[in-house]
Amino acid sequence: MDHIYKTVDLTGSSTVGIEDAIGKAVGRAAQTLHNLRWFEVDEIRGGIEDGAIAHWQVSIRVGFTLDDNAID
C-alpha cells in the first residue's frame, strides 16, 4: 500500500535532556494527531543560566499518514 504523509513542525523543551524534549513533543502531538509514523530532528538548542545548562529545546518534524477515507 502506498502512503501519503503530512508533516508538522514541533519544538519540545525539557530541563532533563534532548530525548525528554523529543518525547514531550511527540507525546503531545499524539494527543491530537493519529497515525504518527516518524520524526526527524531539525535543530537542537538550549538555555544557559548561571553558566550551566538550564533547559533543552529540540525542533522536530513529525510525519503521519492521512486517513484513507480523507483522500477523494
C-alpha atoms as a PDB file:
ATOM      1  CA  MET A   1       0.000   0.000   0.000  1.00  0.00           C
ATOM      2  CA  ASP A   2       1.266   3.462  -0.869  1.00  0.00           C
ATOM      3  CA  HIS A   3       1.169   6.118   1.836  1.00  0.00           C
ATOM      4  CA  ILE A   4       0.752   9.857   1.709  1.00  0.00           C
ATOM      5  CA  TYR A   5       2.383  11.679   4.587  1.00  0.00           C
ATOM      6  CA  LYS A   6       1.613  15.027   6.171  1.00  0.00           C
ATOM      7  CA  THR A   7       4.266  16.710   8.320  1.00  0.00           C
ATOM      8  CA  VAL A   8       4.128  19.210  11.150  1.00  0.00           C
ATOM      9  CA  ASP A   9       6.953  21.102  12.831  1.00  0.00           C
ATOM     10  CA  LEU A  10       7.146  20.996  16.624  1.00  0.00           C
ATOM     11  CA  THR A  11       9.517  22.193  19.332  1.00  0.00           C
ATOM     12  CA  GLY A  12       9.741  20.317  22.615  1.00  0.00           C
ATOM     13  CA  SER A  13      11.551  21.566  25.690  1.00  0.00           C
ATOM     14  CA  SER A  14      12.898  19.874  28.771  1.00  0.00           C
ATOM     15  CA  THR A  15      15.114  20.541  31.749  1.00  0.00           C
ATOM     16  CA  VAL A  16      16.102  16.846  31.684  1.00  0.00           C
ATOM     17  CA  GLY A  17      17.593  16.387  28.211  1.00  0.00           C
ATOM     18  CA  ILE A  18      17.229  16.052  24.471  1.00  0.00           C
ATOM     19  CA  GLU A  19      15.382  12.716  24.452  1.00  0.00           C
ATOM     20  CA  ASP A  20      12.900  14.015  27.012  1.00  0.00           C
ATOM     21  CA  ALA A  21      12.249  17.126  24.887  1.00  0.00           C
ATOM     22  CA  ILE A  22      11.593  14.941  21.824  1.00  0.00           C
ATOM     23  CA  GLY A  23       9.383  12.613  23.855  1.00  0.00           C
ATOM     24  CA  LYS A  24       7.307  15.507  25.149  1.00  0.00           C
ATOM     25  CA  ALA A  25       6.789  16.912  21.648  1.00  0.00           C
ATOM     26  CA  VAL A  26       5.821  13.521  20.189  1.00  0.00           C
ATOM     27  CA  GLY A  27       3.616  12.686  23.180  1.00  0.00           C
ATOM     28  CA  ARG A  28       1.739  15.957  22.924  1.00  0.00           C
ATOM     29  CA  ALA A  29       1.283  15.550  19.158  1.00  0.00           C
ATOM     30  CA  ALA A  30      -0.108  12.051  19.731  1.00  0.00           C
ATOM     31  CA  GLN A  31      -2.923  13.558  21.807  1.00  0.00           C
ATOM     32  CA  THR A  32      -4.380  15.378  18.788  1.00  0.00           C
ATOM     33  CA  LEU A  33      -2.882  13.648  15.731  1.00  0.00           C
ATOM     34  CA  HIS A  34      -3.069   9.984  14.830  1.00  0.00           C
ATOM     35  CA  ASN A  35      -1.157   7.657  12.526  1.00  0.00           C
ATOM     36  CA  LEU A  36       2.181   9.162  13.651  1.00  0.00           C
ATOM     37  CA  ARG A  37       4.943   7.317  11.789  1.00  0.00           C
ATOM     38  CA  TRP A  38       8.292   9.081  12.129  1.00  0.00           C
ATOM     39  CA  PHE A  39      10.181  12.136  13.324  1.00  0.00           C
ATOM     40  CA  GLU A  40      13.392  13.847  12.360  1.00  0.00           C
ATOM     41  CA  VAL A  41      15.417  16.295  14.419  1.00  0.00           C
ATOM     42  CA  ASP A  42      15.893  19.651  12.718  1.00  0.00           C
ATOM     43  CA  GLU A  43      17.582  21.687  15.429  1.00  0.00           C
ATOM     44  CA  ILE A  44      18.886  21.357  18.980  1.00  0.00           C
ATOM     45  CA  ARG A  45      19.451  24.337  21.228  1.00  0.00           C
ATOM     46  CA  GLY A  46      19.345  25.135  24.901  1.00  0.00           C
ATOM     47  CA  GLY A  47      19.216  27.816  27.501  1.00  0.00           C
ATOM     48  CA  ILE A  48      22.025  28.694  29.880  1.00  0.00           C
ATOM     49  CA  GLU A  49      21.579  30.143  33.353  1.00  0.00           C
ATOM     50  CA  ASP A  50      24.419  30.879  35.772  1.00  0.00           C
ATOM     51  CA  GLY A  51      26.918  29.136  33.487  1.00  0.00           C
ATOM     52  CA  ALA A  52      25.006  25.843  33.368  1.00  0.00           C
ATOM     53  CA  ILE A  53      22.507  24.232  31.007  1.00  0.00           C
ATOM     54  CA  ALA A  54      19.044  25.219  32.211  1.00  0.00           C
ATOM     55  CA  HIS A  55      16.928  23.558  29.522  1.00  0.00           C
ATOM     56  CA  TRP A  56      16.964  21.946  26.104  1.00  0.00           C
ATOM     57  CA  GLN A  57      14.825  22.792  23.076  1.00  0.00           C
ATOM     58  CA  VAL A  58      14.556  20.363  20.162  1.00  0.00           C
ATOM     59  CA  SER A  59      12.787  21.268  16.922  1.00  0.00           C
ATOM     60  CA  ILE A  60      11.467  18.218  15.099  1.00  0.00           C
ATOM     61  CA  ARG A  61       9.364  17.391  12.081  1.00  0.00           C
ATOM     62  CA  VAL A  62       6.753  14.684  12.684  1.00  0.00           C
ATOM     63  CA  GLY A  63       5.237  12.684   9.829  1.00  0.00           C
ATOM     64  CA  PHE A  64       1.895  10.936   9.879  1.00  0.00           C
ATOM     65  CA  THR A  65      -0.217   9.139   7.312  1.00  0.00           C
ATOM     66  CA  LEU A  66      -3.509  10.566   6.170  1.00  0.00           C
ATOM     67  CA  ASP A  67      -6.670   8.535   6.663  1.00  0.00           C
ATOM     68  CA  ASP A  68      -7.628   6.579   3.555  1.00  0.00           C
ATOM     69  CA  ASN A  69     -11.168   7.978   3.641  1.00  0.00           C
ATOM     70  CA  ALA A  70      -9.803  11.542   3.654  1.00  0.00           C
ATOM     71  CA  ILE A  71      -8.370  11.139   0.140  1.00  0.00           C
ATOM     72  CA  ASP A  72     -11.011  11.597  -2.545  1.00  0.00           C
END
